Protein backbone atom coordinates (compact mmCIF):
# COMPACT_ATOMS: atom_id res chain seq x y z
CA UNK A 1 1.33 -65.19 -22.07
CA UNK A 2 4.74 -63.50 -22.44
CA UNK A 3 7.72 -65.79 -21.97
CA UNK A 4 11.11 -64.18 -21.40
CA UNK A 5 14.19 -65.73 -23.01
CA UNK A 6 17.22 -63.56 -22.54
CA UNK A 7 16.37 -60.10 -23.93
CA UNK A 8 13.84 -61.41 -26.46
CA UNK A 9 10.26 -62.07 -25.34
CA UNK A 10 8.29 -64.98 -26.74
CA UNK A 11 4.53 -65.46 -26.72
CA UNK A 12 2.04 -68.31 -26.44
CA UNK A 13 -1.49 -67.24 -27.30
CA UNK A 14 -4.75 -68.69 -28.61
CA UNK A 15 -4.53 -66.49 -31.73
CA UNK A 16 -2.15 -65.44 -34.47
CA UNK A 17 -0.10 -62.27 -33.94
CA UNK A 18 -1.31 -58.98 -35.45
CA UNK A 19 0.30 -55.64 -36.32
CA UNK A 20 -0.22 -54.24 -32.81
CA UNK A 21 1.71 -57.13 -31.24
CA UNK A 22 4.76 -54.89 -31.40
CA UNK A 23 7.38 -53.24 -29.19
CA UNK A 24 4.61 -52.03 -26.86
CA UNK A 25 3.89 -55.63 -25.78
CA UNK A 26 7.56 -56.58 -25.58
CA UNK A 27 8.07 -58.07 -29.05
CA UNK A 28 11.43 -57.64 -30.73
CA UNK A 29 13.00 -58.78 -33.96
CA UNK A 30 13.38 -62.54 -33.48
CA UNK A 31 10.57 -62.94 -30.94
CA UNK A 32 8.63 -66.16 -31.42
CA UNK A 33 4.84 -66.50 -31.20
CA UNK A 34 3.01 -69.81 -30.73
CA UNK A 35 -0.60 -69.81 -31.95
CA UNK A 36 -2.26 -72.66 -30.03
CA UNK A 37 -5.53 -72.55 -32.00
CA UNK A 38 -4.11 -74.61 -34.87
CA UNK A 39 -3.19 -78.29 -34.98
CA UNK A 40 -0.28 -78.58 -35.03
CA UNK A 41 0.41 -75.22 -33.41
CA UNK A 42 1.65 -72.45 -35.71
CA UNK A 43 4.95 -70.72 -34.96
CA UNK A 44 5.61 -67.13 -36.08
CA UNK A 45 8.80 -65.06 -35.87
CA UNK A 46 8.79 -61.27 -35.60
CA UNK A 47 10.72 -59.72 -38.49
CA UNK A 48 9.75 -56.10 -37.69
CA UNK A 49 8.42 -54.89 -34.32
CA UNK A 50 7.57 -51.30 -35.41
CA UNK A 51 4.81 -49.63 -33.35
CA UNK A 52 1.35 -50.64 -34.65
CA UNK A 53 3.00 -52.15 -37.74
CA UNK A 54 4.66 -55.34 -36.51
CA UNK A 55 5.36 -58.01 -39.13
CA UNK A 56 5.23 -61.68 -38.16
CA UNK A 57 6.31 -64.51 -40.49
CA UNK A 58 4.57 -67.91 -40.33
CA UNK A 59 7.43 -70.39 -39.91
CA UNK A 60 5.23 -73.35 -40.79
CA UNK A 61 5.15 -72.02 -44.35
CA UNK A 62 8.90 -72.38 -44.88
CA UNK A 63 9.38 -74.27 -48.15
CA UNK A 64 10.37 -77.89 -47.58
CA UNK A 65 13.56 -77.49 -49.63
CA UNK A 66 14.88 -75.22 -46.87
CA UNK A 67 14.16 -78.03 -44.44
CA UNK A 68 13.79 -77.80 -40.68
CA UNK A 69 17.27 -76.26 -40.41
CA UNK A 70 15.82 -72.79 -40.95
CA UNK A 71 13.23 -73.36 -38.22
CA UNK A 72 15.86 -74.82 -35.90
CA UNK A 73 18.03 -71.72 -36.40
CA UNK A 74 15.20 -69.47 -35.28
CA UNK A 75 14.00 -71.85 -32.58
CA UNK A 76 17.34 -71.91 -30.79
CA UNK A 77 18.51 -68.33 -31.38
CA UNK A 78 18.18 -67.59 -27.65
CA UNK A 79 18.43 -69.82 -24.60
CA UNK A 80 14.95 -70.89 -23.64
CA UNK A 81 13.46 -70.45 -27.10
CA UNK A 82 12.43 -74.09 -27.29
CA UNK A 83 10.78 -74.07 -23.86
CA UNK A 84 7.30 -73.31 -25.14
CA UNK A 85 7.24 -75.09 -28.50
CA UNK A 86 4.39 -77.54 -29.07
CA UNK A 87 5.10 -81.12 -28.11
CA UNK A 88 4.69 -82.25 -31.73
CA UNK A 89 7.55 -79.93 -32.80
CA UNK A 90 9.89 -81.27 -30.13
CA UNK A 91 9.01 -84.95 -30.16
CA UNK A 92 11.08 -87.50 -31.96
CA UNK A 93 8.91 -89.23 -34.52
CA UNK A 94 8.96 -93.02 -34.49
CA UNK A 95 11.16 -95.26 -36.59
CA UNK A 96 8.97 -97.91 -38.18
CA UNK A 97 10.10 -101.17 -39.78
CA UNK A 98 7.89 -101.96 -42.76
CA UNK A 99 7.27 -105.28 -44.52
CA UNK A 100 4.28 -104.31 -46.72
CA UNK A 101 3.65 -101.71 -49.39
CA UNK A 102 1.47 -98.81 -48.24
CA UNK A 103 0.39 -95.22 -48.89
CA UNK A 104 1.91 -92.45 -46.79
CA UNK A 105 -0.38 -89.76 -45.36
CA UNK A 106 -0.21 -86.32 -43.74
CA UNK A 107 -0.05 -88.12 -40.37
CA UNK A 108 3.31 -89.65 -41.35
CA UNK A 109 5.07 -86.26 -41.23
CA UNK A 110 8.58 -86.54 -39.69
CA UNK A 111 8.42 -90.34 -39.41
CA UNK A 112 11.18 -92.68 -40.48
CA UNK A 113 10.36 -95.86 -42.40
CA UNK A 114 12.76 -98.75 -42.93
CA UNK A 115 11.81 -101.28 -45.61
CA UNK A 116 13.12 -104.56 -44.19
CA UNK A 117 11.82 -107.29 -46.52
CA UNK A 118 10.16 -107.94 -49.83
CA UNK A 119 9.64 -105.84 -52.94
CA UNK A 120 7.87 -102.76 -51.59
CA UNK A 121 6.24 -99.58 -52.86
CA UNK A 122 5.62 -96.56 -50.66
CA UNK A 123 3.04 -94.32 -52.33
CA UNK A 124 3.27 -90.60 -51.59
CA UNK A 125 0.08 -88.70 -50.77
CA UNK A 126 -0.96 -85.86 -53.11
CA UNK A 127 1.44 -83.02 -52.30
CA UNK A 128 -1.44 -80.52 -52.39
CA UNK A 129 -3.05 -82.29 -49.42
CA UNK A 130 -0.07 -81.67 -47.11
CA UNK A 131 0.70 -78.81 -44.77
CA UNK A 132 4.17 -77.44 -45.42
CA UNK A 133 6.69 -78.48 -44.18
CA UNK A 134 6.02 -82.23 -44.59
CA UNK A 135 8.78 -84.77 -44.92
CA UNK A 136 9.64 -88.37 -44.21
CA UNK A 137 12.82 -90.40 -44.07
CA UNK A 138 12.80 -93.67 -45.97
CA UNK A 139 15.53 -96.33 -45.85
CA UNK A 140 15.84 -99.45 -47.92
CA UNK A 141 17.20 -101.96 -45.45
CA UNK A 142 16.73 -105.66 -46.21
CA UNK A 143 14.02 -105.15 -48.83
CA UNK A 144 14.72 -106.67 -52.26
CA UNK A 145 13.48 -103.47 -53.91
CA UNK A 146 11.88 -100.20 -52.83
CA UNK A 147 9.99 -97.74 -54.98
CA UNK A 148 8.57 -94.40 -53.84
CA UNK A 149 5.55 -93.79 -56.06
CA UNK A 150 4.20 -90.35 -56.99
CA UNK A 151 0.54 -89.43 -56.52
CA UNK A 152 -1.24 -88.56 -59.76
CA UNK A 153 0.66 -85.91 -61.70
CA UNK A 154 2.94 -84.93 -58.79
CA UNK A 155 6.68 -84.94 -59.48
CA UNK A 156 9.78 -85.98 -57.54
CA UNK A 157 12.71 -83.62 -58.06
CA UNK A 158 10.55 -81.98 -60.75
CA UNK A 159 10.56 -85.21 -62.75
CA UNK A 160 7.47 -87.23 -63.65
CA UNK A 161 8.99 -90.53 -62.52
CA UNK A 162 8.82 -92.69 -59.43
CA UNK A 163 11.91 -92.99 -57.24
CA UNK A 164 13.81 -96.27 -56.89
CA UNK A 165 15.90 -96.46 -53.73
CA UNK A 166 19.18 -98.40 -53.82
CA UNK A 167 20.03 -101.03 -51.21
CA UNK A 168 21.07 -99.64 -47.80
CA UNK A 169 20.27 -96.09 -48.92
CA UNK A 170 18.38 -93.51 -46.89
CA UNK A 171 16.49 -90.61 -48.46
CA UNK A 172 14.75 -87.64 -46.90
CA UNK A 173 11.73 -86.68 -49.01
CA UNK A 174 9.84 -83.43 -48.50
CA UNK A 175 6.89 -81.75 -50.19
CA UNK A 176 8.31 -78.57 -51.73
CA UNK A 177 5.14 -77.35 -53.43
CA UNK A 178 1.56 -78.42 -54.09
CA UNK A 179 2.78 -80.60 -56.99
CA UNK A 180 6.38 -81.57 -56.20
CA UNK A 181 8.48 -83.56 -53.75
CA UNK A 182 12.21 -83.07 -53.33
CA UNK A 183 14.78 -85.61 -52.20
CA UNK A 184 16.68 -83.59 -49.61
């Protein structure tokens, strides 16, 4: 399905784009393509619409250290660009108050956790098990201490040490590779 947004056409299909999804079908540099066969849906941007040689970049593979800002820039480059994005990309993830230590998972992507009491540890999942980009926001509220623990040999900011979060501090942590998390 072709979706017009200003002069740039966008697409929502049950497949990834291919080289022939080019100028002949209305694609231009900056066109977005939503592949609905993946969960969550995969978003591509056209970086070259040459006839029979179109090049589409998978935006879900943007390194976490670039953050969602890069995706937001592309997403909103034309009025209407966000109209067909998957609900999971547009929804506001919940803010959860936490009173017990626990292990984060892939399902916690984009959630915000506030440690409100006790001495807590949030254990990160193995970075290799996550689909990029994955990130969470963690705040130490009323907790007496809060540690973000690495999984196995994973690193945080390329350091083999767990992260201690100071009182009333918020950190945004994202998986930047299959073995590293970055505090953004």
